[in-house]
Amino acid sequence: MIKMLGAFVTVAALVPACGDDTSGDGATETIADSADGDLGLDAAGDAGVDADGDANVEDDTGPDADAGADADGDGDDDVDVPADAASDTDTDAAACPVCLDGSYDFGPTGGRRPYEESFSLAPCSSFTARREDWSGVLLAGCDADMAGCDPAAAAVTSAHVMQAVGDTGVQAAFALGSVLYGVDSRPWDGSVFRIARSGATTAEIFVGDPCGPGDPGCLPPPAGVLHLRDVLASLIAQLPTYPGPGCSTW
């Protein structure tokens, strides 16, 4: 009888009642507040029965190996971060440079026209268009926000402009300070497309008519410069579609 009573006391001491504090923190542990959500279930999900068939009680008093363990020994729990989380953010930011790196003035200049037009972009994504007569009277204007990051978008955005500006050929052209590509037809009432950048450094690119065959003094534009010109020309052409004061009536 005494042996049976001793066995009963031993078993009762090894098996905690439902809702007892198995974590040793003074609070009743439930499924909702268990650190690992399994109330001591081991990796096999077998309620702590190990390979030799003994019932084991999992010690939840220490940090889980996979949740906040102090791997670097600095005394603070380390938070696991997916390996690609930071890199994805950096990649997205690089692929979508919404904010312009400086101010840009652009558009055709020269030619016989009864008015003068100016177009400009400023950080982060501000677009301004003005049309004035030769006495300086404002005839039309447009102010819009060009922010956007959808490469499939039909309308030109600041991201499209910055991706075009980032071309190595464009950067090399700006590094020259001032450069003319193609033929300048302004002396005979033609026009060129001007792209000027201001900020830490000021530079401007002029894109004229295509070079004639055998013209050694004519500098053909790099492909990246032509692409930037086309992006900015498309922006001007699409101007009436942008939401902003005066844009729809341009």
Protein backbone atom coordinates (compact mmCIF):
# COMPACT_ATOMS: atom_id res chain seq x y z
CA MET A 1 0.00 0.00 0.00
CA ILE A 2 2.82 2.37 0.90
CA LYS A 3 4.60 1.54 -2.39
CA MET A 4 1.44 2.30 -4.42
CA LEU A 5 0.96 5.63 -2.60
CA GLY A 6 4.59 6.57 -3.32
CA ALA A 7 4.19 5.80 -7.02
CA PHE A 8 1.05 7.93 -7.17
CA VAL A 9 2.81 10.90 -5.56
CA THR A 10 5.74 10.55 -8.01
CA VAL A 11 3.45 10.57 -11.05
CA ALA A 12 1.46 13.53 -9.71
CA ALA A 13 4.68 15.49 -9.25
CA LEU A 14 5.82 14.79 -12.83
CA VAL A 15 2.54 15.67 -14.62
CA PRO A 16 1.39 19.31 -14.13
CA ALA A 17 -2.32 20.07 -14.10
CA CYS A 18 -3.88 21.74 -17.15
CA GLY A 19 -3.26 25.48 -16.92
CA ASP A 20 -0.33 25.21 -14.46
CA ASP A 21 2.69 27.46 -14.96
CA THR A 22 4.93 25.24 -17.09
CA SER A 23 7.08 28.14 -18.23
CA GLY A 24 8.19 29.07 -14.73
CA ASP A 25 7.25 32.72 -15.10
CA GLY A 26 4.54 32.77 -12.44
CA ALA A 27 1.68 32.97 -14.98
CA THR A 28 -0.75 30.30 -16.07
CA GLU A 29 0.26 29.15 -19.53
CA THR A 30 -2.41 28.73 -22.19
CA ILE A 31 -2.32 28.15 -25.96
CA ALA A 32 -2.78 31.83 -26.57
CA ASP A 33 0.19 32.94 -24.47
CA SER A 34 2.60 30.05 -24.96
CA ALA A 35 5.82 31.38 -26.47
CA ASP A 36 5.88 28.69 -29.12
CA GLY A 37 2.13 28.07 -29.31
CA ASP A 38 2.47 24.32 -28.65
CA LEU A 39 2.47 24.11 -24.84
CA GLY A 40 5.67 22.11 -24.86
CA LEU A 41 5.06 19.99 -27.97
CA ASP A 42 8.35 18.96 -29.46
CA ALA A 43 9.25 19.09 -33.16
CA ALA A 44 7.50 15.79 -33.80
CA GLY A 45 4.27 17.06 -32.23
CA ASP A 46 4.16 14.09 -29.80
CA ALA A 47 3.61 15.96 -26.52
CA GLY A 48 7.22 15.62 -25.40
CA VAL A 49 7.66 11.87 -25.78
CA ASP A 50 11.25 11.31 -26.85
CA ALA A 51 12.82 8.46 -28.75
CA ASP A 52 13.17 6.27 -25.66
CA GLY A 53 9.48 6.60 -24.76
CA ASP A 54 9.93 8.78 -21.68
CA ALA A 55 7.57 11.69 -21.16
CA ASN A 56 9.51 14.97 -21.37
CA VAL A 57 8.37 18.40 -20.21
CA GLU A 58 9.75 21.08 -22.53
CA ASP A 59 11.57 23.89 -20.78
CA ASP A 60 10.10 27.17 -22.06
CA THR A 61 11.99 29.32 -19.57
CA GLY A 62 14.77 30.14 -22.03
CA PRO A 63 14.53 31.82 -25.43
CA ASP A 64 13.56 29.64 -28.36
CA ALA A 65 16.43 28.87 -30.71
CA ASP A 66 14.45 30.25 -33.61
CA ALA A 67 12.83 33.27 -32.00
CA GLY A 68 14.96 36.04 -30.54
CA ALA A 69 17.98 34.00 -29.47
CA ASP A 70 21.02 36.10 -28.57
CA ALA A 71 23.21 34.79 -31.38
CA ASP A 72 25.72 37.64 -31.29
CA GLY A 73 26.26 37.58 -27.50
CA ASP A 74 25.44 41.24 -26.98
CA GLY A 75 22.86 40.58 -24.28
CA ASP A 76 19.90 41.49 -26.52
CA ASP A 77 17.49 39.13 -28.14
CA ASP A 78 18.11 39.09 -31.87
CA VAL A 79 15.08 39.37 -34.15
CA ASP A 80 15.15 37.13 -37.17
CA VAL A 81 14.75 39.10 -40.42
CA PRO A 82 14.17 37.31 -43.72
CA ALA A 83 17.42 37.36 -45.65
CA ASP A 84 15.82 39.00 -48.66
CA ALA A 85 13.71 41.61 -46.85
CA ALA A 86 16.29 44.43 -46.79
CA SER A 87 17.65 43.58 -50.23
CA ASP A 88 14.14 43.62 -51.72
CA THR A 89 13.58 47.12 -50.32
CA ASP A 90 16.90 48.37 -51.66
CA THR A 91 16.23 46.78 -55.06
CA ASP A 92 12.77 48.32 -55.30
CA ALA A 93 14.14 51.77 -54.40
CA ALA A 94 16.88 51.46 -57.00
CA ALA A 95 14.48 50.22 -59.66
CA CYS A 96 12.04 53.00 -58.95
CA PRO A 97 13.82 56.32 -58.31
CA VAL A 98 10.71 58.45 -57.82
CA CYS A 99 12.55 61.56 -56.62
CA LEU A 100 14.47 63.58 -59.22
CA ASP A 101 18.15 64.22 -58.52
CA GLY A 102 18.00 67.85 -59.57
CA SER A 103 16.11 70.44 -61.60
CA TYR A 104 15.77 70.06 -65.36
CA ASP A 105 14.71 72.57 -68.00
CA PHE A 106 13.91 71.12 -71.40
CA GLY A 107 12.05 71.51 -74.65
CA PRO A 108 12.50 72.74 -78.19
CA THR A 109 14.16 76.09 -78.61
CA GLY A 110 14.45 78.25 -81.72
CA GLY A 111 12.23 78.38 -84.77
CA ARG A 112 9.71 80.95 -85.91
CA ARG A 113 6.89 80.82 -83.40
CA PRO A 114 4.57 83.50 -82.04
CA TYR A 115 5.26 82.41 -78.45
CA GLU A 116 7.91 80.84 -76.25
CA GLU A 117 7.37 77.64 -74.24
CA SER A 118 9.33 76.42 -71.24
CA PHE A 119 9.15 73.11 -69.40
CA SER A 120 10.82 72.17 -66.15
CA LEU A 121 11.06 69.38 -63.59
CA ALA A 122 12.11 69.84 -59.95
CA PRO A 123 12.54 67.50 -56.96
CA CYS A 124 10.88 65.50 -56.04
CA SER A 125 8.45 65.21 -58.94
CA SER A 126 7.15 68.70 -59.73
CA PHE A 127 6.42 69.54 -63.37
CA THR A 128 5.81 73.05 -64.68
CA ALA A 129 4.93 74.25 -68.18
CA ARG A 130 4.60 77.85 -69.33
CA ARG A 131 3.67 79.48 -72.63
CA GLU A 132 4.33 83.21 -73.03
CA ASP A 133 4.23 85.63 -75.88
CA TRP A 134 7.39 87.52 -76.79
CA SER A 135 6.44 90.40 -74.49
CA GLY A 136 6.32 88.03 -71.48
CA VAL A 137 2.54 87.77 -71.13
CA LEU A 138 1.48 84.35 -69.82
CA LEU A 139 -0.75 82.58 -72.31
CA ALA A 140 -1.02 79.14 -70.70
CA GLY A 141 0.40 77.21 -67.77
CA CYS A 142 0.37 73.78 -66.19
CA ASP A 143 1.54 72.54 -62.77
CA ALA A 144 1.46 68.82 -62.03
CA ASP A 145 2.98 66.14 -59.85
CA MET A 146 4.86 63.57 -61.92
CA ALA A 147 5.36 61.00 -59.15
CA GLY A 148 4.79 57.40 -60.18
CA CYS A 149 6.53 54.08 -60.41
CA ASP A 150 4.61 51.88 -62.83
CA PRO A 151 6.92 50.96 -65.74
CA ALA A 152 3.86 49.92 -67.73
CA ALA A 153 2.11 53.27 -67.22
CA ALA A 154 1.26 55.09 -70.41
CA ALA A 155 1.97 58.50 -68.91
CA VAL A 156 5.56 59.62 -68.31
CA THR A 157 6.48 59.86 -64.62
CA SER A 158 9.48 61.06 -62.63
CA ALA A 159 10.67 57.44 -62.46
CA HIS A 160 10.79 57.22 -66.26
CA VAL A 161 12.79 60.44 -66.39
CA MET A 162 15.28 59.36 -63.73
CA GLN A 163 15.79 55.96 -65.35
CA ALA A 164 16.58 57.74 -68.63
CA VAL A 165 18.85 60.29 -66.91
CA GLY A 166 20.79 57.47 -65.25
CA ASP A 167 22.04 56.14 -68.59
CA THR A 168 25.84 56.19 -68.80
CA GLY A 169 25.77 58.03 -72.13
CA VAL A 170 23.57 60.76 -70.65
CA GLN A 171 25.81 61.13 -67.62
CA ALA A 172 28.87 61.38 -69.88
CA ALA A 173 27.13 64.08 -71.93
CA PHE A 174 26.31 66.13 -68.84
CA ALA A 175 29.92 65.76 -67.71
CA LEU A 176 30.96 67.73 -70.81
CA GLY A 177 29.24 70.85 -69.45
CA SER A 178 27.63 71.91 -72.71
CA VAL A 179 27.44 69.78 -75.83
CA LEU A 180 25.63 69.86 -79.18
CA TYR A 181 24.70 66.61 -80.89
CA GLY A 182 23.62 66.68 -84.51
CA VAL A 183 23.08 69.77 -86.63
CA ASP A 184 22.05 73.12 -85.13
CA SER A 185 19.43 74.46 -87.54
CA ARG A 186 18.53 77.55 -85.51
CA PRO A 187 20.45 79.92 -87.82
CA TRP A 188 17.92 79.15 -90.56
CA ASP A 189 14.82 79.18 -88.34
CA GLY A 190 15.09 75.58 -87.23
CA SER A 191 15.08 74.32 -83.65
CA VAL A 192 17.01 72.05 -81.31
CA PHE A 193 15.89 70.16 -78.22
CA ARG A 194 17.56 71.50 -75.09
CA ILE A 195 18.01 69.53 -71.84
CA ALA A 196 19.60 71.53 -69.01
CA ARG A 197 20.35 70.27 -65.51
CA SER A 198 20.95 72.52 -62.53
CA GLY A 199 21.97 71.65 -59.00
CA ALA A 200 25.40 70.68 -57.73
CA THR A 201 26.60 70.93 -61.33
CA THR A 202 25.06 72.79 -64.23
CA ALA A 203 25.15 71.31 -67.71
CA GLU A 204 23.11 71.31 -70.90
CA ILE A 205 22.66 69.07 -73.90
CA PHE A 206 21.40 70.20 -77.30
CA VAL A 207 20.02 67.65 -79.75
CA GLY A 208 19.65 68.90 -83.30
CA ASP A 209 18.90 67.38 -86.66
CA PRO A 210 20.66 64.14 -87.69
CA CYS A 211 24.19 64.47 -88.96
CA GLY A 212 24.66 64.42 -92.72
CA PRO A 213 26.83 61.77 -94.34
CA GLY A 214 30.53 62.54 -94.26
CA ASP A 215 30.25 65.52 -91.90
CA PRO A 216 33.32 65.25 -89.65
CA GLY A 217 32.29 68.22 -87.52
CA CYS A 218 28.92 66.73 -86.56
CA LEU A 219 28.69 64.71 -83.35
CA PRO A 220 25.97 62.02 -83.45
CA PRO A 221 23.99 61.69 -80.20
CA PRO A 222 24.39 58.56 -78.06
CA ALA A 223 21.38 56.23 -77.87
CA GLY A 224 20.79 57.15 -74.23
CA VAL A 225 20.61 60.86 -75.03
CA LEU A 226 18.08 60.21 -77.79
CA HIS A 227 16.02 58.12 -75.38
CA LEU A 228 16.01 60.89 -72.77
CA ARG A 229 14.94 63.40 -75.43
CA ASP A 230 12.10 61.09 -76.49
CA VAL A 231 10.93 60.61 -72.88
CA LEU A 232 10.82 64.36 -72.29
CA ALA A 233 9.14 65.00 -75.65
CA SER A 234 6.48 62.43 -74.73
CA LEU A 235 5.94 64.21 -71.42
CA ILE A 236 5.23 67.44 -73.32
CA ALA A 237 2.91 65.69 -75.77
CA GLN A 238 0.92 64.09 -72.93
CA LEU A 239 0.73 67.29 -70.92
CA PRO A 240 -3.07 67.84 -71.34
CA THR A 241 -3.74 64.43 -69.74
CA TYR A 242 -2.01 65.24 -66.45
CA PRO A 243 -4.11 66.31 -63.46
CA GLY A 244 -3.13 69.80 -62.38
CA PRO A 245 -4.09 73.46 -62.74
CA GLY A 246 -4.16 74.51 -66.39
CA CYS A 247 -2.95 71.18 -67.82
CA SER A 248 -6.19 70.07 -69.47
CA THR A 249 -6.47 73.34 -71.41
CA TRP A 250 -2.86 73.44 -72.58
